All heavy atoms as atom14 arrays in JSON, in Angstrom:
{
  "sequence": "TGLDGEHDTLRGYRSVTRGGVPEVAAHADR",
  "atom14_mask": [
    [1, 1, 1, 1, 1, 1, 1, 0, 0, 0, 0, 0, 0, 0],
    [1, 1, 1, 1, 0, 0, 0, 0, 0, 0, 0, 0, 0, 0],
    [1, 1, 1, 1, 1, 1, 1, 1, 0, 0, 0, 0, 0, 0],
    [1, 1, 1, 1, 1, 1, 1, 1, 0, 0, 0, 0, 0, 0],
    [1, 1, 1, 1, 0, 0, 0, 0, 0, 0, 0, 0, 0, 0],
    [1, 1, 1, 1, 1, 1, 1, 1, 1, 0, 0, 0, 0, 0],
    [1, 1, 1, 1, 1, 1, 1, 1, 1, 1, 0, 0, 0, 0],
    [1, 1, 1, 1, 1, 1, 1, 1, 0, 0, 0, 0, 0, 0],
    [1, 1, 1, 1, 1, 1, 1, 0, 0, 0, 0, 0, 0, 0],
    [1, 1, 1, 1, 1, 1, 1, 1, 0, 0, 0, 0, 0, 0],
    [1, 1, 1, 1, 1, 1, 1, 1, 1, 1, 1, 0, 0, 0],
    [1, 1, 1, 1, 0, 0, 0, 0, 0, 0, 0, 0, 0, 0],
    [1, 1, 1, 1, 1, 1, 1, 1, 1, 1, 1, 1, 0, 0],
    [1, 1, 1, 1, 1, 1, 1, 1, 1, 1, 1, 0, 0, 0],
    [1, 1, 1, 1, 1, 1, 0, 0, 0, 0, 0, 0, 0, 0],
    [1, 1, 1, 1, 1, 1, 1, 0, 0, 0, 0, 0, 0, 0],
    [1, 1, 1, 1, 1, 1, 1, 0, 0, 0, 0, 0, 0, 0],
    [1, 1, 1, 1, 1, 1, 1, 1, 1, 1, 1, 0, 0, 0],
    [1, 1, 1, 1, 0, 0, 0, 0, 0, 0, 0, 0, 0, 0],
    [1, 1, 1, 1, 0, 0, 0, 0, 0, 0, 0, 0, 0, 0],
    [1, 1, 1, 1, 1, 1, 1, 0, 0, 0, 0, 0, 0, 0],
    [1, 1, 1, 1, 1, 1, 1, 0, 0, 0, 0, 0, 0, 0],
    [1, 1, 1, 1, 1, 1, 1, 1, 1, 0, 0, 0, 0, 0],
    [1, 1, 1, 1, 1, 1, 1, 0, 0, 0, 0, 0, 0, 0],
    [1, 1, 1, 1, 1, 0, 0, 0, 0, 0, 0, 0, 0, 0],
    [1, 1, 1, 1, 1, 0, 0, 0, 0, 0, 0, 0, 0, 0],
    [1, 1, 1, 1, 1, 1, 1, 1, 1, 1, 0, 0, 0, 0],
    [1, 1, 1, 1, 1, 0, 0, 0, 0, 0, 0, 0, 0, 0],
    [1, 1, 1, 1, 1, 1, 1, 1, 0, 0, 0, 0, 0, 0],
    [1, 1, 1, 1, 1, 1, 1, 1, 1, 1, 1, 0, 0, 0]
  ],
  "atom14_positions": [
    [[-112.13, 72.07, -2.47], [-111.45, 71.21, -3.44], [-112.46, 70.32, -4.12], [-113.29, 69.68, -3.47], [-110.37, 70.35, -2.74], [-109.44, 71.22, -2.09], [-109.64, 69.49, -3.75], [0.0, 0.0, 0.0], [0.0, 0.0, 0.0], [0.0, 0.0, 0.0], [0.0, 0.0, 0.0], [0.0, 0.0, 0.0], [0.0, 0.0, 0.0], [0.0, 0.0, 0.0]],
    [[-112.39, 70.28, -5.45], [-113.33, 69.48, -6.22], [-112.89, 68.03, -6.31], [-111.82, 67.63, -5.83], [0.0, 0.0, 0.0], [0.0, 0.0, 0.0], [0.0, 0.0, 0.0], [0.0, 0.0, 0.0], [0.0, 0.0, 0.0], [0.0, 0.0, 0.0], [0.0, 0.0, 0.0], [0.0, 0.0, 0.0], [0.0, 0.0, 0.0], [0.0, 0.0, 0.0]],
    [[-113.73, 67.21, -6.97], [-113.43, 65.79, -7.11], [-112.23, 65.53, -8.0], [-111.64, 64.44, -7.96], [-114.66, 65.06, -7.7], [-115.91, 65.03, -6.82], [-117.04, 64.35, -7.55], [-115.63, 64.33, -5.5], [0.0, 0.0, 0.0], [0.0, 0.0, 0.0], [0.0, 0.0, 0.0], [0.0, 0.0, 0.0], [0.0, 0.0, 0.0], [0.0, 0.0, 0.0]],
    [[-111.87, 66.53, -8.82], [-110.69, 66.37, -9.66], [-109.41, 66.78, -8.96], [-108.33, 66.81, -9.56], [-110.84, 67.18, -10.96], [-111.1, 68.66, -10.69], [-111.15, 69.06, -9.51], [-111.27, 69.4, -11.67], [0.0, 0.0, 0.0], [0.0, 0.0, 0.0], [0.0, 0.0, 0.0], [0.0, 0.0, 0.0], [0.0, 0.0, 0.0], [0.0, 0.0, 0.0]],
    [[-109.51, 67.09, -7.65], [-108.34, 67.46, -6.87], [-107.92, 68.91, -7.01], [-106.96, 69.34, -6.38], [0.0, 0.0, 0.0], [0.0, 0.0, 0.0], [0.0, 0.0, 0.0], [0.0, 0.0, 0.0], [0.0, 0.0, 0.0], [0.0, 0.0, 0.0], [0.0, 0.0, 0.0], [0.0, 0.0, 0.0], [0.0, 0.0, 0.0], [0.0, 0.0, 0.0]],
    [[-108.66, 69.68, -7.82], [-108.34, 71.08, -8.05], [-109.22, 71.97, -7.17], [-110.35, 71.6, -6.84], [-108.54, 71.44, -9.52], [-107.71, 70.62, -10.49], [-106.23, 70.94, -10.39], [-105.91, 72.08, -10.02], [-105.41, 70.06, -10.69], [0.0, 0.0, 0.0], [0.0, 0.0, 0.0], [0.0, 0.0, 0.0], [0.0, 0.0, 0.0], [0.0, 0.0, 0.0]],
    [[-108.7, 73.18, -6.83], [-109.52, 74.14, -6.11], [-110.67, 74.6, -7.0], [-110.45, 74.95, -8.17], [-108.7, 75.35, -5.67], [-107.86, 75.09, -4.45], [-108.4, 74.66, -3.27], [-106.52, 75.19, -4.24], [-107.43, 74.51, -2.38], [-106.29, 74.82, -2.94], [0.0, 0.0, 0.0], [0.0, 0.0, 0.0], [0.0, 0.0, 0.0], [0.0, 0.0, 0.0]],
    [[-111.87, 74.56, -6.47], [-113.03, 75.01, -7.23], [-113.24, 76.5, -7.0], [-112.7, 77.07, -6.05], [-114.29, 74.23, -6.81], [-115.34, 74.22, -7.9], [-116.04, 75.23, -8.04], [-115.44, 73.21, -8.61], [0.0, 0.0, 0.0], [0.0, 0.0, 0.0], [0.0, 0.0, 0.0], [0.0, 0.0, 0.0], [0.0, 0.0, 0.0], [0.0, 0.0, 0.0]],
    [[-114.02, 77.12, -7.86], [-114.25, 78.55, -7.77], [-115.68, 78.87, -8.17], [-116.3, 78.12, -8.94], [-113.28, 79.33, -8.68], [-113.64, 80.72, -8.66], [-113.37, 78.83, -10.12], [0.0, 0.0, 0.0], [0.0, 0.0, 0.0], [0.0, 0.0, 0.0], [0.0, 0.0, 0.0], [0.0, 0.0, 0.0], [0.0, 0.0, 0.0], [0.0, 0.0, 0.0]],
    [[-116.22, 79.97, -7.65], [-117.54, 80.46, -8.04], [-117.43, 81.58, -9.07], [-118.4, 82.29, -9.32], [-118.31, 80.95, -6.8], [-118.75, 79.85, -5.83], [-119.38, 80.47, -4.58], [-119.72, 78.89, -6.49], [0.0, 0.0, 0.0], [0.0, 0.0, 0.0], [0.0, 0.0, 0.0], [0.0, 0.0, 0.0], [0.0, 0.0, 0.0], [0.0, 0.0, 0.0]],
    [[-116.27, 81.72, -9.67], [-116.08, 82.77, -10.67], [-117.07, 82.6, -11.81], [-117.2, 81.54, -12.4], [-114.65, 82.72, -11.22], [-114.34, 83.79, -12.25], [-112.88, 83.72, -12.68], [-112.58, 84.71, -13.71], [-112.67, 84.46, -15.01], [-113.06, 83.27, -15.42], [-112.39, 85.39, -15.9], [0.0, 0.0, 0.0], [0.0, 0.0, 0.0], [0.0, 0.0, 0.0]],
    [[-117.79, 83.66, -12.13], [-118.76, 83.63, -13.22], [-120.12, 83.1, -12.82], [-121.06, 83.13, -13.62], [0.0, 0.0, 0.0], [0.0, 0.0, 0.0], [0.0, 0.0, 0.0], [0.0, 0.0, 0.0], [0.0, 0.0, 0.0], [0.0, 0.0, 0.0], [0.0, 0.0, 0.0], [0.0, 0.0, 0.0], [0.0, 0.0, 0.0], [0.0, 0.0, 0.0]],
    [[-120.28, 82.6, -11.58], [-121.56, 82.07, -11.11], [-122.55, 83.21, -10.97], [-122.29, 84.18, -10.27], [-121.32, 81.37, -9.78], [-122.51, 80.67, -9.16], [-123.41, 79.94, -9.93], [-122.72, 80.73, -7.79], [-124.47, 79.29, -9.34], [-123.77, 80.08, -7.19], [-124.66, 79.36, -7.97], [-125.72, 78.71, -7.39], [0.0, 0.0, 0.0], [0.0, 0.0, 0.0]],
    [[-123.7, 83.11, -11.63], [-124.65, 84.22, -11.64], [-126.06, 83.71, -11.91], [-126.26, 82.6, -12.4], [-124.27, 85.23, -12.72], [-124.36, 84.69, -14.13], [-123.62, 85.58, -15.12], [-123.83, 85.17, -16.49], [-123.2, 84.17, -17.09], [-122.32, 83.46, -16.4], [-123.44, 83.87, -18.34], [0.0, 0.0, 0.0], [0.0, 0.0, 0.0], [0.0, 0.0, 0.0]],
    [[-127.03, 84.56, -11.59], [-128.43, 84.26, -11.85], [-128.92, 85.07, -13.03], [-128.4, 86.15, -13.32], [-129.27, 84.58, -10.61], [-130.64, 84.41, -10.88], [0.0, 0.0, 0.0], [0.0, 0.0, 0.0], [0.0, 0.0, 0.0], [0.0, 0.0, 0.0], [0.0, 0.0, 0.0], [0.0, 0.0, 0.0], [0.0, 0.0, 0.0], [0.0, 0.0, 0.0]],
    [[-129.96, 84.56, -13.71], [-130.49, 85.28, -14.87], [-131.8, 85.99, -14.56], [-132.37, 86.65, -15.43], [-130.71, 84.31, -16.05], [-129.4, 83.74, -16.52], [-131.68, 83.18, -15.68], [0.0, 0.0, 0.0], [0.0, 0.0, 0.0], [0.0, 0.0, 0.0], [0.0, 0.0, 0.0], [0.0, 0.0, 0.0], [0.0, 0.0, 0.0], [0.0, 0.0, 0.0]],
    [[-132.31, 85.87, -13.33], [-133.57, 86.52, -12.97], [-133.37, 87.39, -11.73], [-132.44, 87.18, -10.95], [-134.66, 85.48, -12.68], [-134.25, 84.65, -11.58], [-134.92, 84.6, -13.88], [0.0, 0.0, 0.0], [0.0, 0.0, 0.0], [0.0, 0.0, 0.0], [0.0, 0.0, 0.0], [0.0, 0.0, 0.0], [0.0, 0.0, 0.0], [0.0, 0.0, 0.0]],
    [[-134.27, 88.34, -11.59], [-134.23, 89.23, -10.42], [-135.56, 89.14, -9.67], [-136.58, 88.76, -10.23], [-133.94, 90.68, -10.83], [-132.49, 90.89, -11.24], [-132.15, 92.35, -11.42], [-130.72, 92.52, -11.62], [-129.84, 92.76, -10.66], [-130.25, 92.88, -9.41], [-128.55, 92.91, -10.93], [0.0, 0.0, 0.0], [0.0, 0.0, 0.0], [0.0, 0.0, 0.0]],
    [[-135.5, 89.52, -8.4], [-136.7, 89.47, -7.57], [-136.51, 90.28, -6.32], [-135.65, 91.16, -6.24], [0.0, 0.0, 0.0], [0.0, 0.0, 0.0], [0.0, 0.0, 0.0], [0.0, 0.0, 0.0], [0.0, 0.0, 0.0], [0.0, 0.0, 0.0], [0.0, 0.0, 0.0], [0.0, 0.0, 0.0], [0.0, 0.0, 0.0], [0.0, 0.0, 0.0]],
    [[-137.3, 89.97, -5.3], [-137.23, 90.71, -4.06], [-136.04, 90.3, -3.21], [-135.51, 89.2, -3.34], [0.0, 0.0, 0.0], [0.0, 0.0, 0.0], [0.0, 0.0, 0.0], [0.0, 0.0, 0.0], [0.0, 0.0, 0.0], [0.0, 0.0, 0.0], [0.0, 0.0, 0.0], [0.0, 0.0, 0.0], [0.0, 0.0, 0.0], [0.0, 0.0, 0.0]],
    [[-135.63, 91.2, -2.32], [-134.53, 90.91, -1.41], [-135.02, 89.97, -0.31], [-136.1, 90.17, 0.24], [-133.99, 92.22, -0.78], [-132.94, 91.92, 0.28], [-133.44, 93.13, -1.86], [0.0, 0.0, 0.0], [0.0, 0.0, 0.0], [0.0, 0.0, 0.0], [0.0, 0.0, 0.0], [0.0, 0.0, 0.0], [0.0, 0.0, 0.0], [0.0, 0.0, 0.0]],
    [[-134.28, 88.9, 0.01], [-134.7, 88.0, 1.09], [-134.88, 88.76, 2.4], [-134.12, 89.69, 2.71], [-133.54, 87.0, 1.18], [-132.89, 87.04, -0.16], [-133.03, 88.44, -0.64], [0.0, 0.0, 0.0], [0.0, 0.0, 0.0], [0.0, 0.0, 0.0], [0.0, 0.0, 0.0], [0.0, 0.0, 0.0], [0.0, 0.0, 0.0], [0.0, 0.0, 0.0]],
    [[-135.87, 88.34, 3.16], [-136.17, 88.99, 4.44], [-135.61, 88.15, 5.59], [-135.75, 86.93, 5.59], [-137.67, 89.15, 4.61], [-138.07, 89.77, 5.94], [-139.57, 89.8, 6.15], [-140.31, 89.55, 5.19], [-139.99, 90.07, 7.3], [0.0, 0.0, 0.0], [0.0, 0.0, 0.0], [0.0, 0.0, 0.0], [0.0, 0.0, 0.0], [0.0, 0.0, 0.0]],
    [[-134.97, 88.81, 6.54], [-134.5, 88.14, 7.75], [-135.24, 88.74, 8.94], [-135.14, 89.94, 9.21], [-132.98, 88.31, 7.95], [-132.54, 87.61, 9.23], [-132.22, 87.76, 6.75], [0.0, 0.0, 0.0], [0.0, 0.0, 0.0], [0.0, 0.0, 0.0], [0.0, 0.0, 0.0], [0.0, 0.0, 0.0], [0.0, 0.0, 0.0], [0.0, 0.0, 0.0]],
    [[-136.02, 87.91, 9.63], [-136.84, 88.39, 10.74], [-136.27, 87.91, 12.07], [-135.96, 86.72, 12.23], [-138.28, 87.91, 10.58], [0.0, 0.0, 0.0], [0.0, 0.0, 0.0], [0.0, 0.0, 0.0], [0.0, 0.0, 0.0], [0.0, 0.0, 0.0], [0.0, 0.0, 0.0], [0.0, 0.0, 0.0], [0.0, 0.0, 0.0], [0.0, 0.0, 0.0]],
    [[-136.11, 88.84, 13.02], [-135.61, 88.51, 14.35], [-136.78, 88.47, 15.34], [-137.68, 89.32, 15.28], [-134.59, 89.54, 14.79], [0.0, 0.0, 0.0], [0.0, 0.0, 0.0], [0.0, 0.0, 0.0], [0.0, 0.0, 0.0], [0.0, 0.0, 0.0], [0.0, 0.0, 0.0], [0.0, 0.0, 0.0], [0.0, 0.0, 0.0], [0.0, 0.0, 0.0]],
    [[-136.75, 87.49, 16.26], [-137.83, 87.34, 17.23], [-137.25, 87.12, 18.62], [-136.15, 86.58, 18.77], [-138.74, 86.18, 16.86], [-139.37, 86.33, 15.51], [-140.49, 87.11, 15.28], [-139.01, 85.82, 14.29], [-140.8, 87.06, 13.99], [-139.93, 86.3, 13.38], [0.0, 0.0, 0.0], [0.0, 0.0, 0.0], [0.0, 0.0, 0.0], [0.0, 0.0, 0.0]],
    [[-138.0, 87.53, 19.61], [-137.53, 87.42, 20.99], [-137.49, 85.98, 21.47], [-136.65, 85.61, 22.28], [-138.4, 88.27, 21.9], [0.0, 0.0, 0.0], [0.0, 0.0, 0.0], [0.0, 0.0, 0.0], [0.0, 0.0, 0.0], [0.0, 0.0, 0.0], [0.0, 0.0, 0.0], [0.0, 0.0, 0.0], [0.0, 0.0, 0.0], [0.0, 0.0, 0.0]],
    [[-138.44, 85.17, 21.02], [-138.46, 83.76, 21.44], [-139.06, 82.9, 20.33], [-139.57, 83.41, 19.33], [-139.24, 83.58, 22.75], [-140.68, 84.08, 22.65], [-141.38, 83.71, 21.69], [-141.1, 84.85, 23.53], [0.0, 0.0, 0.0], [0.0, 0.0, 0.0], [0.0, 0.0, 0.0], [0.0, 0.0, 0.0], [0.0, 0.0, 0.0], [0.0, 0.0, 0.0]],
    [[-138.99, 81.58, 20.54], [-139.42, 80.65, 19.49], [-140.92, 80.74, 19.23], [-141.35, 80.62, 18.06], [-139.05, 79.22, 19.88], [-139.33, 78.19, 18.79], [-138.33, 78.28, 17.65], [-137.04, 77.76, 18.03], [-135.89, 78.22, 17.6], [-135.85, 79.25, 16.76], [-134.73, 77.7, 17.99], [0.0, 0.0, 0.0], [0.0, 0.0, 0.0], [0.0, 0.0, 0.0]]
  ]
}
């Protein structure tokens, strides 16, 4: 809910640039 009391939406939210896919790395310990 936004500050105007209405439900907000991400409709139309987009980026104008492209790049690499984010990497997620898993590790056995810290």
